[in-house]
Amino acid sequence: MSKLGHIYLIDDDDSMRASLGRMLREVGYIVEDFSSAQTFIEDSLPVAPAVILLDMQMPDQSGLDLQETLLKIGRKTPIVFISGQSHPHQIVKSLKQGAVDFLFKPFNIEDLLKAVADALELDSRQLKRISKEVETKKSYATLTPREREVCFWLVKGLLNKDIAVKLGTTDATIKVHKSRVMDKMNVESVQTLVTKYLESDLENIQDHRLLN
């Protein structure tokens, strides 16, 4: 993949796709172009970092329709809209639904390149965050049921002695479990453990039956 990133160019105007695609490839991007929203859905494979350069007005399905479809299926590739004409409500709705930018044809190439670069930077950050979450959840999966209980109460701010009372065991035993939790979760402080736990939404996969 190009170091600059991947661009999905979706526009029903053949000449626009050809000229834009050529220009973006010359700059150094990898460009896949599609003549309709449907062909994009059917033929594209998710990669990252990437950006969708999307025409708003297309005959089979509007850019806004495609954006809504992607949100429903959980595909979070950032979108930059391009349009010859659009209703104000379309612009507002597309931005509310997470579009990075909205450019009107004919647009300044520098503005386009900046919007594309911003979208790719956003996708890079998303990719890093998702990768961190995956690693954290893998680490969490290695904890025993008792270690998950200890982890939960540590995140809630309880001290070792308080956790021992909660779980009906000794302070010394909790210290051992805490040490194993910290080691398996690859953290050196409870503060870092709390950050990882919350950022990865681990509470939603905690077995609350163990906490009663």
C-alpha atoms as a PDB file:
ATOM      1  CA  MET A   1       0.000   0.000   0.000  1.00  0.00           C
ATOM      2  CA  SER A   2       1.080   3.563  -0.621  1.00  0.00           C
ATOM      3  CA  LYS A   3       2.516   5.298   2.417  1.00  0.00           C
ATOM      4  CA  LEU A   4       0.068   8.119   1.751  1.00  0.00           C
ATOM      5  CA  GLY A   5      -3.015   5.927   1.963  1.00  0.00           C
ATOM      6  CA  HIS A   6      -5.926   4.430   0.057  1.00  0.00           C
ATOM      7  CA  ILE A   7      -8.726   6.369  -1.626  1.00  0.00           C
ATOM      8  CA  TYR A   8     -12.116   4.981  -2.675  1.00  0.00           C
ATOM      9  CA  LEU A   9     -13.395   7.375  -5.346  1.00  0.00           C
ATOM     10  CA  ILE A  10     -17.144   7.045  -5.949  1.00  0.00           C
ATOM     11  CA  ASP A  11     -18.674   9.211  -8.686  1.00  0.00           C
ATOM     12  CA  ASP A  12     -21.039   8.428 -11.563  1.00  0.00           C
ATOM     13  CA  ASP A  13     -19.298  11.027 -13.777  1.00  0.00           C
ATOM     14  CA  ASP A  14     -16.752   9.072 -15.840  1.00  0.00           C
ATOM     15  CA  SER A  15     -14.650  12.110 -16.734  1.00  0.00           C
ATOM     16  CA  MET A  16     -14.542  13.287 -13.117  1.00  0.00           C
ATOM     17  CA  ARG A  17     -13.451   9.843 -11.918  1.00  0.00           C
ATOM     18  CA  ALA A  18     -10.763   9.651 -14.598  1.00  0.00           C
ATOM     19  CA  SER A  19      -9.294  13.099 -13.963  1.00  0.00           C
ATOM     20  CA  LEU A  20      -9.472  12.935 -10.179  1.00  0.00           C
ATOM     21  CA  GLY A  21      -8.135   9.396 -10.089  1.00  0.00           C
ATOM     22  CA  ARG A  22      -5.203  10.300 -12.310  1.00  0.00           C
ATOM     23  CA  MET A  23      -4.316  13.356 -10.244  1.00  0.00           C
ATOM     24  CA  LEU A  24      -4.507  11.500  -6.928  1.00  0.00           C
ATOM     25  CA  ARG A  25      -2.392   8.607  -8.232  1.00  0.00           C
ATOM     26  CA  GLU A  26       0.237  11.059  -9.461  1.00  0.00           C
ATOM     27  CA  VAL A  27       0.426  12.509  -5.943  1.00  0.00           C
ATOM     28  CA  GLY A  28       1.075   9.024  -4.588  1.00  0.00           C
ATOM     29  CA  TYR A  29      -2.258   7.638  -3.404  1.00  0.00           C
ATOM     30  CA  ILE A  30      -3.684   4.246  -4.264  1.00  0.00           C
ATOM     31  CA  VAL A  31      -7.065   4.937  -5.856  1.00  0.00           C
ATOM     32  CA  GLU A  32      -9.969   2.550  -6.453  1.00  0.00           C
ATOM     33  CA  ASP A  33     -12.775   4.140  -8.414  1.00  0.00           C
ATOM     34  CA  PHE A  34     -16.443   3.131  -8.554  1.00  0.00           C
ATOM     35  CA  SER A  35     -19.264   4.436 -10.728  1.00  0.00           C
ATOM     36  CA  SER A  36     -22.003   3.836  -8.139  1.00  0.00           C
ATOM     37  CA  ALA A  37     -22.625   3.259  -4.461  1.00  0.00           C
ATOM     38  CA  GLN A  38     -23.824  -0.272  -5.206  1.00  0.00           C
ATOM     39  CA  THR A  39     -20.634  -1.326  -7.002  1.00  0.00           C
ATOM     40  CA  PHE A  40     -18.634   0.040  -4.076  1.00  0.00           C
ATOM     41  CA  ILE A  41     -20.642  -2.016  -1.580  1.00  0.00           C
ATOM     42  CA  GLU A  42     -20.351  -5.143  -3.737  1.00  0.00           C
ATOM     43  CA  ASP A  43     -16.719  -4.922  -4.861  1.00  0.00           C
ATOM     44  CA  SER A  44     -14.654  -2.996  -2.314  1.00  0.00           C
ATOM     45  CA  LEU A  45     -12.663  -4.538   0.514  1.00  0.00           C
ATOM     46  CA  PRO A  46     -12.032  -2.569   3.719  1.00  0.00           C
ATOM     47  CA  VAL A  47      -8.443  -1.364   4.142  1.00  0.00           C
ATOM     48  CA  ALA A  48      -6.875   1.269   6.374  1.00  0.00           C
ATOM     49  CA  PRO A  49      -5.851   3.995   6.469  1.00  0.00           C
ATOM     50  CA  ALA A  50      -8.338   4.996   3.789  1.00  0.00           C
ATOM     51  CA  VAL A  51     -10.843   7.670   2.825  1.00  0.00           C
ATOM     52  CA  ILE A  52     -14.020   7.570   0.757  1.00  0.00           C
ATOM     53  CA  LEU A  53     -14.207  10.443  -1.730  1.00  0.00           C
ATOM     54  CA  LEU A  54     -17.932  10.408  -2.389  1.00  0.00           C
ATOM     55  CA  ASP A  55     -20.189  12.247  -4.830  1.00  0.00           C
ATOM     56  CA  MET A  56     -23.428  13.296  -3.161  1.00  0.00           C
ATOM     57  CA  GLN A  57     -25.706  13.209  -6.222  1.00  0.00           C
ATOM     58  CA  MET A  58     -25.789   9.839  -8.017  1.00  0.00           C
ATOM     59  CA  PRO A  59     -28.706   8.252  -9.881  1.00  0.00           C
ATOM     60  CA  ASP A  60     -28.964   4.854  -8.163  1.00  0.00           C
ATOM     61  CA  GLN A  61     -28.206   5.816  -4.591  1.00  0.00           C
ATOM     62  CA  SER A  62     -27.140   9.163  -3.171  1.00  0.00           C
ATOM     63  CA  GLY A  63     -23.946   9.682  -1.240  1.00  0.00           C
ATOM     64  CA  LEU A  64     -26.027  10.278   1.866  1.00  0.00           C
ATOM     65  CA  ASP A  65     -27.783   6.928   1.359  1.00  0.00           C
ATOM     66  CA  LEU A  66     -24.415   5.187   1.096  1.00  0.00           C
ATOM     67  CA  GLN A  67     -23.140   6.937   4.215  1.00  0.00           C
ATOM     68  CA  GLU A  68     -26.175   5.680   6.147  1.00  0.00           C
ATOM     69  CA  THR A  69     -25.657   2.148   4.812  1.00  0.00           C
ATOM     70  CA  LEU A  70     -22.010   2.165   5.904  1.00  0.00           C
ATOM     71  CA  LEU A  71     -22.983   3.366   9.378  1.00  0.00           C
ATOM     72  CA  LYS A  72     -25.493   0.518   9.667  1.00  0.00           C
ATOM     73  CA  ILE A  73     -22.923  -2.144   8.751  1.00  0.00           C
ATOM     74  CA  GLY A  74     -20.251  -0.618  10.972  1.00  0.00           C
ATOM     75  CA  ARG A  75     -17.821   0.424   8.264  1.00  0.00           C
ATOM     76  CA  LYS A  76     -16.129   3.527   9.637  1.00  0.00           C
ATOM     77  CA  THR A  77     -13.887   4.665   6.780  1.00  0.00           C
ATOM     78  CA  PRO A  78     -13.933   8.508   6.870  1.00  0.00           C
ATOM     79  CA  ILE A  79     -15.894  10.231   4.096  1.00  0.00           C
ATOM     80  CA  VAL A  80     -15.176  13.434   2.184  1.00  0.00           C
ATOM     81  CA  PHE A  81     -18.194  14.498   0.106  1.00  0.00           C
ATOM     82  CA  ILE A  82     -17.845  16.198  -3.277  1.00  0.00           C
ATOM     83  CA  SER A  83     -20.868  17.683  -5.007  1.00  0.00           C
ATOM     84  CA  GLY A  84     -21.904  19.938  -7.855  1.00  0.00           C
ATOM     85  CA  GLN A  85     -25.068  20.883  -6.002  1.00  0.00           C
ATOM     86  CA  SER A  86     -26.655  19.729  -2.770  1.00  0.00           C
ATOM     87  CA  HIS A  87     -29.521  20.780  -0.549  1.00  0.00           C
ATOM     88  CA  PRO A  88     -28.495  22.362   2.751  1.00  0.00           C
ATOM     89  CA  HIS A  89     -30.154  19.559   4.731  1.00  0.00           C
ATOM     90  CA  GLN A  90     -27.973  16.991   2.915  1.00  0.00           C
ATOM     91  CA  ILE A  91     -24.821  18.873   3.855  1.00  0.00           C
ATOM     92  CA  VAL A  92     -25.874  19.267   7.480  1.00  0.00           C
ATOM     93  CA  LYS A  93     -26.951  15.629   7.804  1.00  0.00           C
ATOM     94  CA  SER A  94     -23.772  14.274   6.201  1.00  0.00           C
ATOM     95  CA  LEU A  95     -21.604  16.278   8.607  1.00  0.00           C
ATOM     96  CA  LYS A  96     -23.715  15.274  11.606  1.00  0.00           C
ATOM     97  CA  GLN A  97     -23.246  11.654  10.565  1.00  0.00           C
ATOM     98  CA  GLY A  98     -19.476  12.039  10.666  1.00  0.00           C
ATOM     99  CA  ALA A  99     -18.333  13.254   7.240  1.00  0.00           C
ATOM    100  CA  VAL A 100     -14.898  14.860   7.483  1.00  0.00           C
ATOM    101  CA  ASP A 101     -15.560  17.571   4.882  1.00  0.00           C
ATOM    102  CA  PHE A 102     -17.892  18.694   2.107  1.00  0.00           C
ATOM    103  CA  LEU A 103     -16.438  20.210  -1.083  1.00  0.00           C
ATOM    104  CA  PHE A 104     -18.366  21.772  -3.946  1.00  0.00           C
ATOM    105  CA  LYS A 105     -17.363  21.194  -7.577  1.00  0.00           C
ATOM    106  CA  PRO A 106     -15.339  22.772  -8.995  1.00  0.00           C
ATOM    107  CA  PHE A 107     -13.120  22.656  -5.913  1.00  0.00           C
ATOM    108  CA  ASN A 108      -9.574  23.785  -5.290  1.00  0.00           C
ATOM    109  CA  ILE A 109      -7.141  20.854  -5.541  1.00  0.00           C
ATOM    110  CA  GLU A 110      -5.261  22.052  -2.453  1.00  0.00           C
ATOM    111  CA  ASP A 111      -8.518  21.978  -0.479  1.00  0.00           C
ATOM    112  CA  LEU A 112      -9.210  18.459  -1.713  1.00  0.00           C
ATOM    113  CA  LEU A 113      -5.745  17.212  -0.787  1.00  0.00           C
ATOM    114  CA  LYS A 114      -6.025  18.747   2.684  1.00  0.00           C
ATOM    115  CA  ALA A 115      -9.435  17.136   3.248  1.00  0.00           C
ATOM    116  CA  VAL A 116      -8.095  13.768   2.078  1.00  0.00           C
ATOM    117  CA  ALA A 117      -5.018  14.070   4.317  1.00  0.00           C
ATOM    118  CA  ASP A 118      -7.186  14.987   7.328  1.00  0.00           C
ATOM    119  CA  ALA A 119      -9.471  12.016   6.689  1.00  0.00           C
ATOM    120  CA  LEU A 120      -6.546   9.615   6.378  1.00  0.00           C
ATOM    121  CA  GLU A 121      -5.052  10.932   9.618  1.00  0.00           C
ATOM    122  CA  LEU A 122      -8.385  10.346  11.324  1.00  0.00           C
ATOM    123  CA  ASP A 123      -8.537   6.788   9.981  1.00  0.00           C
ATOM    124  CA  SER A 124      -4.965   6.140  11.150  1.00  0.00           C
ATOM    125  CA  ARG A 125      -5.947   7.206  14.668  1.00  0.00           C
ATOM    126  CA  GLN A 126      -9.035   4.997  14.504  1.00  0.00           C
ATOM    127  CA  LEU A 127      -6.907   2.048  13.406  1.00  0.00           C
ATOM    128  CA  LYS A 128      -4.445   2.557  16.262  1.00  0.00           C
ATOM    129  CA  ARG A 129      -7.276   2.805  18.779  1.00  0.00           C
ATOM    130  CA  ILE A 130      -8.938  -0.356  17.487  1.00  0.00           C
ATOM    131  CA  SER A 131      -5.615  -2.225  17.513  1.00  0.00           C
ATOM    132  CA  LYS A 132      -5.047  -1.194  21.129  1.00  0.00           C
ATOM    133  CA  GLU A 133      -8.551  -2.339  22.072  1.00  0.00           C
ATOM    134  CA  VAL A 134      -8.000  -5.722  20.429  1.00  0.00           C
ATOM    135  CA  GLU A 135      -4.724  -6.223  22.319  1.00  0.00           C
ATOM    136  CA  THR A 136      -6.301  -5.158  25.607  1.00  0.00           C
ATOM    137  CA  LYS A 137      -9.220  -7.563  25.137  1.00  0.00           C
ATOM    138  CA  LYS A 138      -6.799 -10.380  24.310  1.00  0.00           C
ATOM    139  CA  SER A 139      -4.946  -9.660  27.540  1.00  0.00           C
ATOM    140  CA  TYR A 140      -8.191  -9.483  29.500  1.00  0.00           C
ATOM    141  CA  ALA A 141      -9.251 -12.861  28.101  1.00  0.00           C
ATOM    142  CA  THR A 142      -6.231 -14.462  29.818  1.00  0.00           C
ATOM    143  CA  LEU A 143      -7.466 -13.444  33.293  1.00  0.00           C
ATOM    144  CA  THR A 144      -9.070 -16.086  35.481  1.00  0.00           C
ATOM    145  CA  PRO A 145     -12.600 -15.431  36.805  1.00  0.00           C
ATOM    146  CA  ARG A 146     -11.181 -14.383  40.182  1.00  0.00           C
ATOM    147  CA  GLU A 147      -8.619 -12.102  38.529  1.00  0.00           C
ATOM    148  CA  ARG A 148     -11.435 -10.457  36.565  1.00  0.00           C
ATOM    149  CA  GLU A 149     -13.255  -9.797  39.822  1.00  0.00           C
ATOM    150  CA  VAL A 150     -10.149  -8.229  41.325  1.00  0.00           C
ATOM    151  CA  CYS A 151      -9.608  -6.197  38.150  1.00  0.00           C
ATOM    152  CA  PHE A 152     -13.185  -4.921  38.286  1.00  0.00           C
ATOM    153  CA  TRP A 153     -12.890  -3.731  41.875  1.00  0.00           C
ATOM    154  CA  LEU A 154      -9.482  -2.180  41.279  1.00  0.00           C
ATOM    155  CA  VAL A 155     -10.999  -0.146  38.462  1.00  0.00           C
ATOM    156  CA  LYS A 156     -13.825   0.883  40.819  1.00  0.00           C
ATOM    157  CA  GLY A 157     -11.182   2.331  43.158  1.00  0.00           C
ATOM    158  CA  LEU A 158     -11.242  -0.202  45.981  1.00  0.00           C
ATOM    159  CA  LEU A 159      -8.118  -0.897  48.032  1.00  0.00           C
ATOM    160  CA  ASN A 160      -6.742  -4.410  48.466  1.00  0.00           C
ATOM    161  CA  LYS A 161      -8.245  -4.763  51.953  1.00  0.00           C
ATOM    162  CA  ASP A 162     -11.683  -3.653  50.696  1.00  0.00           C
ATOM    163  CA  ILE A 163     -11.552  -6.106  47.802  1.00  0.00           C
ATOM    164  CA  ALA A 164     -10.595  -8.854  50.254  1.00  0.00           C
ATOM    165  CA  VAL A 165     -13.751  -8.128  52.267  1.00  0.00           C
ATOM    166  CA  LYS A 166     -15.873  -8.078  49.091  1.00  0.00           C
ATOM    167  CA  LEU A 167     -14.518 -11.442  47.952  1.00  0.00           C
ATOM    168  CA  GLY A 168     -14.288 -13.065  51.369  1.00  0.00           C
ATOM    169  CA  THR A 169     -10.549 -13.642  51.299  1.00  0.00           C
ATOM    170  CA  THR A 170      -7.346 -12.158  52.702  1.00  0.00           C
ATOM    171  CA  ASP A 171      -5.430  -9.014  51.861  1.00  0.00           C
ATOM    172  CA  ALA A 172      -2.375 -11.140  50.991  1.00  0.00           C
ATOM    173  CA  THR A 173      -4.373 -13.214  48.503  1.00  0.00           C
ATOM    174  CA  ILE A 174      -5.708 -10.086  46.820  1.00  0.00           C
ATOM    175  CA  LYS A 175      -2.150  -8.749  46.495  1.00  0.00           C
ATOM    176  CA  VAL A 176      -1.196 -11.905  44.584  1.00  0.00           C
ATOM    177  CA  HIS A 177      -4.215 -11.621  42.282  1.00  0.00           C
ATOM    178  CA  LYS A 178      -3.558  -7.918  41.740  1.00  0.00           C
ATOM    179  CA  SER A 179       0.043  -8.634  40.755  1.00  0.00           C
ATOM    180  CA  ARG A 180      -1.112 -11.199  38.208  1.00  0.00           C
ATOM    181  CA  VAL A 181      -3.750  -8.805  36.823  1.00  0.00           C
ATOM    182  CA  MET A 182      -1.176  -6.044  36.378  1.00  0.00           C
ATOM    183  CA  ASP A 183       1.251  -8.430  34.699  1.00  0.00           C
ATOM    184  CA  LYS A 184      -1.295  -9.962  32.311  1.00  0.00           C
ATOM    185  CA  MET A 185      -2.787  -6.583  31.416  1.00  0.00           C
ATOM    186  CA  ASN A 186       0.714  -5.169  30.761  1.00  0.00           C
ATOM    187  CA  VAL A 187       0.308  -2.190  33.069  1.00  0.00           C
ATOM    188  CA  GLU A 188       2.486  -0.746  35.805  1.00  0.00           C
ATOM    189  CA  SER A 189      -0.118   1.301  37.648  1.00  0.00           C
ATOM    190  CA  VAL A 190      -3.781   1.069  38.575  1.00  0.00           C
ATOM    191  CA  GLN A 191      -4.331   4.384  36.769  1.00  0.00           C
ATOM    192  CA  THR A 192      -3.137   2.829  33.486  1.00  0.00           C
ATOM    193  CA  LEU A 193      -5.282  -0.240  34.169  1.00  0.00           C
ATOM    194  CA  VAL A 194      -8.342   1.985  34.631  1.00  0.00           C
ATOM    195  CA  THR A 195      -7.594   3.820  31.378  1.00  0.00           C
ATOM    196  CA  LYS A 196      -7.232   0.586  29.402  1.00  0.00           C
ATOM    197  CA  TYR A 197     -10.316  -0.924  31.025  1.00  0.00           C
ATOM    198  CA  LEU A 198     -12.544   2.048  30.229  1.00  0.00           C
ATOM    199  CA  GLU A 199     -11.178   2.750  26.740  1.00  0.00           C
ATOM    200  CA  SER A 200     -11.764  -0.879  25.731  1.00  0.00           C
ATOM    201  CA  ASP A 201     -15.197  -1.001  27.400  1.00  0.00           C
ATOM    202  CA  LEU A 202     -14.250  -4.146  29.322  1.00  0.00           C
ATOM    203  CA  GLU A 203     -17.046  -3.704  31.823  1.00  0.00           C
ATOM    204  CA  ASN A 204     -19.531  -4.763  29.140  1.00  0.00           C
ATOM    205  CA  ILE A 205     -17.819  -8.147  28.813  1.00  0.00           C
ATOM    206  CA  GLN A 206     -17.369  -8.626  32.557  1.00  0.00           C
ATOM    207  CA  ASP A 207     -19.453 -11.457  34.008  1.00  0.00           C
ATOM    208  CA  HIS A 208     -21.510  -9.553  36.568  1.00  0.00           C
ATOM    209  CA  ARG A 209     -22.747 -12.786  38.101  1.00  0.00           C
ATOM    210  CA  LEU A 210     -19.301 -13.031  39.661  1.00  0.00           C
ATOM    211  CA  LEU A 211     -19.694  -9.627  41.297  1.00  0.00           C
ATOM    212  CA  ASN A 212     -22.857 -10.231  43.324  1.00  0.00           C
END
